[in-house]
Amino acid sequence: MTASRERLRRAAFELFERHGYDDTTVDAIAERAGVGRTTFFRHFGSKEEVIFPDHSDVLRRVQARLATAGADEGLEAVTDAARLVLRRYVEEGELARSRYRLTRTVPPLRAREIAYMQQYHREFREFVRSWTGEEPGRDLRAELLAGAIVIAHNQVLRRWLRGESDDPEAELDEAMAVVASIHTPEPADPGATVLVVRTRKDARLVAAAVRRALKE
């Protein structure tokens, strides 16, 4: 990130905190950053773009991690991918916390943040589909698991943003373990097998023989 771009972002967040998002203008941001209006638009297309980091790089890294996952490392791969997103916010520090306060009070900003999370949800769903074998449009289990992954990530992220977590990455590992425990299929009950045979013997005698065999 260039020095002027960084100054613009910090100036914008300071003004948003002081005067509110709606009452802060592009000209005010540029003036506080010590640059001209033209410089602002060289770096950002709008006031809204100042608030959000560029997710394209993180999205590419998420896609790369999932694409290289081995057959036996599904949970590890999605945990690593979710960690990439989490780190993007943690590395921003106080800027991420300022954004969190803004998105809670400005609906358009909240909608944009949700749209970013939906991108990650789609990537997780496509990856999880390789486990479930479901077809597009009939991928309920993949949708549910992808949603659980995003929810687990967001829960950990919000705790960190509120200052309630000192080790968000460790909490992410714990949260993903919970996701795995919920969505791991239960093994089939070997005692549930039913065998049907045809016989002329009295049904009561057959049932008694089956009960004796089960006891043995």
C-alpha atoms as a PDB file:
ATOM      1  CA  MET A   1       0.000   0.000   0.000  1.00  0.00           C
ATOM      2  CA  THR A   2       1.398   3.406  -0.980  1.00  0.00           C
ATOM      3  CA  ALA A   3       1.960   6.092   1.648  1.00  0.00           C
ATOM      4  CA  SER A   4      -0.760   8.389   0.270  1.00  0.00           C
ATOM      5  CA  ARG A   5      -3.273   5.532   0.110  1.00  0.00           C
ATOM      6  CA  GLU A   6      -2.552   4.631   3.714  1.00  0.00           C
ATOM      7  CA  ARG A   7      -2.886   8.285   4.811  1.00  0.00           C
ATOM      8  CA  LEU A   8      -6.229   8.525   3.036  1.00  0.00           C
ATOM      9  CA  ARG A   9      -7.572   5.427   4.747  1.00  0.00           C
ATOM     10  CA  ARG A  10      -6.491   6.548   8.193  1.00  0.00           C
ATOM     11  CA  ALA A  11      -7.813  10.051   7.634  1.00  0.00           C
ATOM     12  CA  ALA A  12     -11.143   8.656   6.481  1.00  0.00           C
ATOM     13  CA  PHE A  13     -11.570   6.414   9.507  1.00  0.00           C
ATOM     14  CA  GLU A  14     -10.664   9.250  11.872  1.00  0.00           C
ATOM     15  CA  LEU A  15     -13.323  11.456  10.276  1.00  0.00           C
ATOM     16  CA  PHE A  16     -15.897   8.675  10.191  1.00  0.00           C
ATOM     17  CA  GLU A  17     -15.385   8.107  13.914  1.00  0.00           C
ATOM     18  CA  ARG A  18     -15.610  11.820  14.679  1.00  0.00           C
ATOM     19  CA  HIS A  19     -18.359  13.027  12.336  1.00  0.00           C
ATOM     20  CA  GLY A  20     -20.074   9.870  11.108  1.00  0.00           C
ATOM     21  CA  TYR A  21     -19.990   8.229   7.702  1.00  0.00           C
ATOM     22  CA  ASP A  22     -22.741  10.269   6.036  1.00  0.00           C
ATOM     23  CA  ASP A  23     -21.358  13.635   7.145  1.00  0.00           C
ATOM     24  CA  THR A  24     -17.803  12.946   5.974  1.00  0.00           C
ATOM     25  CA  THR A  25     -17.019  14.086   2.434  1.00  0.00           C
ATOM     26  CA  VAL A  26     -14.319  13.025  -0.002  1.00  0.00           C
ATOM     27  CA  ASP A  27     -12.917  16.567   0.093  1.00  0.00           C
ATOM     28  CA  ALA A  28     -12.644  16.428   3.877  1.00  0.00           C
ATOM     29  CA  ILE A  29     -10.809  13.109   3.704  1.00  0.00           C
ATOM     30  CA  ALA A  30      -8.370  14.373   1.104  1.00  0.00           C
ATOM     31  CA  GLU A  31      -7.729  17.586   3.052  1.00  0.00           C
ATOM     32  CA  ARG A  32      -7.031  15.711   6.287  1.00  0.00           C
ATOM     33  CA  ALA A  33      -4.673  13.338   4.467  1.00  0.00           C
ATOM     34  CA  GLY A  34      -2.820  16.282   2.931  1.00  0.00           C
ATOM     35  CA  VAL A  35      -3.552  15.337  -0.669  1.00  0.00           C
ATOM     36  CA  GLY A  36      -5.797  16.606  -3.429  1.00  0.00           C
ATOM     37  CA  ARG A  37      -9.191  15.299  -4.524  1.00  0.00           C
ATOM     38  CA  THR A  38      -7.591  13.859  -7.684  1.00  0.00           C
ATOM     39  CA  THR A  39      -5.203  11.798  -5.570  1.00  0.00           C
ATOM     40  CA  PHE A  40      -8.119  10.397  -3.612  1.00  0.00           C
ATOM     41  CA  PHE A  41      -9.836   9.122  -6.752  1.00  0.00           C
ATOM     42  CA  ARG A  42      -6.559   7.747  -8.048  1.00  0.00           C
ATOM     43  CA  HIS A  43      -6.639   5.304  -5.140  1.00  0.00           C
ATOM     44  CA  PHE A  44     -10.354   4.854  -4.424  1.00  0.00           C
ATOM     45  CA  GLY A  45     -13.430   4.914  -6.612  1.00  0.00           C
ATOM     46  CA  SER A  46     -15.694   6.158  -3.836  1.00  0.00           C
ATOM     47  CA  LYS A  47     -15.890   6.976  -0.144  1.00  0.00           C
ATOM     48  CA  GLU A  48     -17.211   3.471   0.487  1.00  0.00           C
ATOM     49  CA  GLU A  49     -14.137   1.855  -1.060  1.00  0.00           C
ATOM     50  CA  VAL A  50     -11.901   3.512   1.540  1.00  0.00           C
ATOM     51  CA  ILE A  51     -13.501   1.386   4.227  1.00  0.00           C
ATOM     52  CA  PHE A  52     -13.024  -2.081   2.808  1.00  0.00           C
ATOM     53  CA  PRO A  53      -9.736  -3.845   2.121  1.00  0.00           C
ATOM     54  CA  ASP A  54      -9.065  -5.429  -1.247  1.00  0.00           C
ATOM     55  CA  HIS A  55     -10.362  -8.975  -0.821  1.00  0.00           C
ATOM     56  CA  SER A  56      -9.273 -10.173  -4.263  1.00  0.00           C
ATOM     57  CA  ASP A  57      -5.803 -11.203  -3.096  1.00  0.00           C
ATOM     58  CA  VAL A  58      -7.179 -13.084  -0.076  1.00  0.00           C
ATOM     59  CA  LEU A  59      -9.804 -14.756  -2.258  1.00  0.00           C
ATOM     60  CA  ARG A  60      -7.106 -15.969  -4.659  1.00  0.00           C
ATOM     61  CA  ARG A  61      -5.103 -17.407  -1.776  1.00  0.00           C
ATOM     62  CA  VAL A  62      -8.206 -19.135  -0.395  1.00  0.00           C
ATOM     63  CA  GLN A  63      -8.869 -20.649  -3.819  1.00  0.00           C
ATOM     64  CA  ALA A  64      -5.243 -21.779  -4.133  1.00  0.00           C
ATOM     65  CA  ARG A  65      -5.257 -23.455  -0.714  1.00  0.00           C
ATOM     66  CA  LEU A  66      -8.456 -25.334  -1.427  1.00  0.00           C
ATOM     67  CA  ALA A  67      -7.296 -26.317  -4.913  1.00  0.00           C
ATOM     68  CA  THR A  68      -4.147 -27.988  -3.555  1.00  0.00           C
ATOM     69  CA  ALA A  69      -5.886 -29.884  -0.742  1.00  0.00           C
ATOM     70  CA  GLY A  70      -5.232 -33.598  -0.608  1.00  0.00           C
ATOM     71  CA  ALA A  71      -8.003 -36.162  -0.369  1.00  0.00           C
ATOM     72  CA  ASP A  72      -7.424 -36.665   3.362  1.00  0.00           C
ATOM     73  CA  GLU A  73      -7.007 -33.037   4.465  1.00  0.00           C
ATOM     74  CA  GLY A  74     -10.420 -31.492   3.867  1.00  0.00           C
ATOM     75  CA  LEU A  75     -10.888 -30.050   7.363  1.00  0.00           C
ATOM     76  CA  GLU A  76      -7.291 -28.864   7.491  1.00  0.00           C
ATOM     77  CA  ALA A  77      -7.697 -27.120   4.128  1.00  0.00           C
ATOM     78  CA  VAL A  78     -10.883 -25.236   5.037  1.00  0.00           C
ATOM     79  CA  THR A  79      -9.374 -24.252   8.406  1.00  0.00           C
ATOM     80  CA  ASP A  80      -6.277 -22.883   6.663  1.00  0.00           C
ATOM     81  CA  ALA A  81      -8.464 -21.031   4.163  1.00  0.00           C
ATOM     82  CA  ALA A  82     -10.616 -19.502   6.908  1.00  0.00           C
ATOM     83  CA  ARG A  83      -7.430 -18.515   8.739  1.00  0.00           C
ATOM     84  CA  LEU A  84      -6.279 -16.542   5.677  1.00  0.00           C
ATOM     85  CA  VAL A  85      -9.446 -14.442   5.859  1.00  0.00           C
ATOM     86  CA  LEU A  86      -9.164 -13.984   9.624  1.00  0.00           C
ATOM     87  CA  ARG A  87      -5.552 -12.834   9.361  1.00  0.00           C
ATOM     88  CA  ARG A  88      -6.511 -10.206   6.794  1.00  0.00           C
ATOM     89  CA  TYR A  89      -8.648  -8.487   9.421  1.00  0.00           C
ATOM     90  CA  VAL A  90      -6.291  -9.026  12.365  1.00  0.00           C
ATOM     91  CA  GLU A  91      -3.381  -7.515  10.433  1.00  0.00           C
ATOM     92  CA  GLU A  92      -5.393  -4.308  10.002  1.00  0.00           C
ATOM     93  CA  GLY A  93      -5.684  -3.874  13.760  1.00  0.00           C
ATOM     94  CA  GLU A  94      -7.651  -0.812  14.792  1.00  0.00           C
ATOM     95  CA  LEU A  95      -8.814  -0.084  11.248  1.00  0.00           C
ATOM     96  CA  ALA A  96     -10.692  -3.380  11.255  1.00  0.00           C
ATOM     97  CA  ARG A  97     -12.287  -2.498  14.580  1.00  0.00           C
ATOM     98  CA  SER A  98     -13.323   0.930  13.267  1.00  0.00           C
ATOM     99  CA  ARG A  99     -14.885  -0.747  10.233  1.00  0.00           C
ATOM    100  CA  TYR A 100     -16.782  -3.103  12.525  1.00  0.00           C
ATOM    101  CA  ARG A 101     -18.298  -0.158  14.375  1.00  0.00           C
ATOM    102  CA  LEU A 102     -19.245   1.513  11.097  1.00  0.00           C
ATOM    103  CA  THR A 103     -20.834  -1.531   9.492  1.00  0.00           C
ATOM    104  CA  ARG A 104     -23.030  -2.052  12.547  1.00  0.00           C
ATOM    105  CA  THR A 105     -24.635   1.358  12.049  1.00  0.00           C
ATOM    106  CA  VAL A 106     -24.552   2.001   8.263  1.00  0.00           C
ATOM    107  CA  PRO A 107     -26.738  -0.531   6.372  1.00  0.00           C
ATOM    108  CA  PRO A 108     -25.098  -0.120   2.913  1.00  0.00           C
ATOM    109  CA  LEU A 109     -21.700  -0.865   4.431  1.00  0.00           C
ATOM    110  CA  ARG A 110     -23.084  -3.907   6.208  1.00  0.00           C
ATOM    111  CA  ALA A 111     -24.553  -5.145   2.929  1.00  0.00           C
ATOM    112  CA  ARG A 112     -21.188  -4.864   1.221  1.00  0.00           C
ATOM    113  CA  GLU A 113     -19.462  -6.772   4.008  1.00  0.00           C
ATOM    114  CA  ILE A 114     -22.061  -9.544   3.727  1.00  0.00           C
ATOM    115  CA  ALA A 115     -21.402  -9.705  -0.016  1.00  0.00           C
ATOM    116  CA  TYR A 116     -17.714 -10.339   0.650  1.00  0.00           C
ATOM    117  CA  MET A 117     -18.546 -13.150   3.048  1.00  0.00           C
ATOM    118  CA  GLN A 118     -20.856 -14.694   0.454  1.00  0.00           C
ATOM    119  CA  GLN A 119     -17.871 -14.946  -1.890  1.00  0.00           C
ATOM    120  CA  TYR A 120     -16.013 -17.048   0.671  1.00  0.00           C
ATOM    121  CA  HIS A 121     -19.149 -19.087   1.297  1.00  0.00           C
ATOM    122  CA  ARG A 122     -19.301 -19.993  -2.400  1.00  0.00           C
ATOM    123  CA  GLU A 123     -15.654 -21.072  -2.430  1.00  0.00           C
ATOM    124  CA  PHE A 124     -16.167 -23.300   0.618  1.00  0.00           C
ATOM    125  CA  ARG A 125     -19.360 -24.764  -0.840  1.00  0.00           C
ATOM    126  CA  GLU A 126     -17.652 -25.720  -4.103  1.00  0.00           C
ATOM    127  CA  PHE A 127     -14.829 -27.366  -2.177  1.00  0.00           C
ATOM    128  CA  VAL A 128     -17.102 -29.210   0.249  1.00  0.00           C
ATOM    129  CA  ARG A 129     -19.156 -30.526  -2.663  1.00  0.00           C
ATOM    130  CA  SER A 130     -16.157 -32.711  -3.515  1.00  0.00           C
ATOM    131  CA  TRP A 131     -16.737 -34.465  -0.164  1.00  0.00           C
ATOM    132  CA  THR A 132     -20.483 -34.838  -0.447  1.00  0.00           C
ATOM    133  CA  GLY A 133     -20.677 -35.687  -4.143  1.00  0.00           C
ATOM    134  CA  GLU A 134     -23.748 -33.472  -4.503  1.00  0.00           C
ATOM    135  CA  GLU A 135     -24.685 -31.846  -7.795  1.00  0.00           C
ATOM    136  CA  PRO A 136     -25.012 -28.061  -8.195  1.00  0.00           C
ATOM    137  CA  GLY A 137     -28.495 -27.016  -7.159  1.00  0.00           C
ATOM    138  CA  ARG A 138     -28.946 -30.141  -5.049  1.00  0.00           C
ATOM    139  CA  ASP A 139     -26.108 -29.496  -2.633  1.00  0.00           C
ATOM    140  CA  LEU A 140     -27.851 -29.033   0.704  1.00  0.00           C
ATOM    141  CA  ARG A 141     -25.119 -30.671   2.795  1.00  0.00           C
ATOM    142  CA  ALA A 142     -22.417 -28.631   1.064  1.00  0.00           C
ATOM    143  CA  GLU A 143     -24.416 -25.434   1.652  1.00  0.00           C
ATOM    144  CA  LEU A 144     -24.926 -26.261   5.314  1.00  0.00           C
ATOM    145  CA  LEU A 145     -21.283 -27.085   5.927  1.00  0.00           C
ATOM    146  CA  ALA A 146     -20.028 -24.028   4.037  1.00  0.00           C
ATOM    147  CA  GLY A 147     -22.408 -21.893   6.091  1.00  0.00           C
ATOM    148  CA  ALA A 148     -21.109 -23.436   9.308  1.00  0.00           C
ATOM    149  CA  ILE A 149     -17.510 -22.680   8.286  1.00  0.00           C
ATOM    150  CA  VAL A 150     -18.334 -19.017   7.619  1.00  0.00           C
ATOM    151  CA  ILE A 151     -20.352 -18.724  10.841  1.00  0.00           C
ATOM    152  CA  ALA A 152     -17.490 -20.216  12.864  1.00  0.00           C
ATOM    153  CA  HIS A 153     -15.037 -17.772  11.290  1.00  0.00           C
ATOM    154  CA  ASN A 154     -17.332 -14.796  11.864  1.00  0.00           C
ATOM    155  CA  GLN A 155     -17.950 -15.735  15.483  1.00  0.00           C
ATOM    156  CA  VAL A 156     -14.210 -15.770  16.181  1.00  0.00           C
ATOM    157  CA  LEU A 157     -13.649 -12.574  14.196  1.00  0.00           C
ATOM    158  CA  ARG A 158     -16.381 -10.683  16.064  1.00  0.00           C
ATOM    159  CA  ARG A 159     -14.927 -11.722  19.417  1.00  0.00           C
ATOM    160  CA  TRP A 160     -11.564 -10.328  18.363  1.00  0.00           C
ATOM    161  CA  LEU A 161     -13.112  -7.131  16.976  1.00  0.00           C
ATOM    162  CA  ARG A 162     -14.878  -6.562  20.307  1.00  0.00           C
ATOM    163  CA  GLY A 163     -11.619  -7.076  22.195  1.00  0.00           C
ATOM    164  CA  GLU A 164     -12.788 -10.355  23.742  1.00  0.00           C
ATOM    165  CA  SER A 165     -10.093 -12.589  22.255  1.00  0.00           C
ATOM    166  CA  ASP A 166      -6.310 -12.447  22.573  1.00  0.00           C
ATOM    167  CA  ASP A 167      -5.663 -15.480  20.361  1.00  0.00           C
ATOM    168  CA  PRO A 168      -8.217 -15.578  17.536  1.00  0.00           C
ATOM    169  CA  GLU A 169      -6.308 -18.194  15.539  1.00  0.00           C
ATOM    170  CA  ALA A 170      -6.430 -20.665  18.421  1.00  0.00           C
ATOM    171  CA  GLU A 171     -10.139 -19.944  18.799  1.00  0.00           C
ATOM    172  CA  LEU A 172     -10.609 -20.573  15.080  1.00  0.00           C
ATOM    173  CA  ASP A 173      -9.052 -24.034  15.456  1.00  0.00           C
ATOM    174  CA  GLU A 174     -11.480 -24.778  18.286  1.00  0.00           C
ATOM    175  CA  ALA A 175     -14.455 -23.455  16.311  1.00  0.00           C
ATOM    176  CA  MET A 176     -13.575 -25.526  13.261  1.00  0.00           C
ATOM    177  CA  ALA A 177     -13.281 -28.628  15.448  1.00  0.00           C
ATOM    178  CA  VAL A 178     -16.852 -27.990  16.571  1.00  0.00           C
ATOM    179  CA  VAL A 179     -17.953 -27.679  12.931  1.00  0.00           C
ATOM    180  CA  ALA A 180     -16.284 -30.995  12.147  1.00  0.00           C
ATOM    181  CA  SER A 181     -17.932 -32.719  15.104  1.00  0.00           C
ATOM    182  CA  ILE A 182     -21.373 -31.515  14.046  1.00  0.00           C
ATOM    183  CA  HIS A 183     -21.063 -32.472  10.405  1.00  0.00           C
ATOM    184  CA  THR A 184     -19.134 -35.737  10.592  1.00  0.00           C
ATOM    185  CA  PRO A 185     -21.546 -38.523   9.574  1.00  0.00           C
ATOM    186  CA  GLU A 186     -22.360 -41.029  12.287  1.00  0.00           C
ATOM    187  CA  PRO A 187     -21.190 -44.587  11.543  1.00  0.00           C
ATOM    188  CA  ALA A 188     -23.898 -46.973  10.498  1.00  0.00           C
ATOM    189  CA  ASP A 189     -25.309 -49.138  13.277  1.00  0.00           C
ATOM    190  CA  PRO A 190     -24.228 -52.718  12.505  1.00  0.00           C
ATOM    191  CA  GLY A 191     -27.136 -54.007  14.578  1.00  0.00           C
ATOM    192  CA  ALA A 192     -29.704 -52.400  12.298  1.00  0.00           C
ATOM    193  CA  THR A 193     -29.432 -54.986   9.513  1.00  0.00           C
ATOM    194  CA  VAL A 194     -32.715 -56.724   8.700  1.00  0.00           C
ATOM    195  CA  LEU A 195     -32.803 -60.083   6.927  1.00  0.00           C
ATOM    196  CA  VAL A 196     -36.050 -61.248   5.362  1.00  0.00           C
ATOM    197  CA  VAL A 197     -36.530 -64.940   4.486  1.00  0.00           C
ATOM    198  CA  ARG A 198     -39.430 -66.972   3.211  1.00  0.00           C
ATOM    199  CA  THR A 199     -40.418 -70.027   5.279  1.00  0.00           C
ATOM    200  CA  ARG A 200     -43.456 -72.225   5.978  1.00  0.00           C
ATOM    201  CA  LYS A 201     -42.642 -72.440   9.668  1.00  0.00           C
ATOM    202  CA  ASP A 202     -44.791 -70.707  12.251  1.00  0.00           C
ATOM    203  CA  ALA A 203     -43.777 -67.007  12.512  1.00  0.00           C
ATOM    204  CA  ARG A 204     -43.657 -67.251  16.300  1.00  0.00           C
ATOM    205  CA  LEU A 205     -41.111 -70.079  16.107  1.00  0.00           C
ATOM    206  CA  VAL A 206     -39.005 -68.100  13.655  1.00  0.00           C
ATOM    207  CA  ALA A 207     -39.100 -65.007  15.901  1.00  0.00           C
ATOM    208  CA  ALA A 208     -38.062 -67.070  18.913  1.00  0.00           C
ATOM    209  CA  ALA A 209     -35.134 -68.525  16.962  1.00  0.00           C
ATOM    210  CA  VAL A 210     -34.024 -65.010  15.945  1.00  0.00           C
ATOM    211  CA  ARG A 211     -34.173 -63.813  19.549  1.00  0.00           C
ATOM    212  CA  ARG A 212     -32.049 -66.759  20.696  1.00  0.00           C
ATOM    213  CA  ALA A 213     -29.514 -66.065  17.963  1.00  0.00           C
ATOM    214  CA  LEU A 214     -29.242 -62.393  18.933  1.00  0.00           C
ATOM    215  CA  LYS A 215     -28.630 -63.327  22.579  1.00  0.00           C
ATOM    216  CA  GLU A 216     -25.848 -65.653  21.542  1.00  0.00           C
END
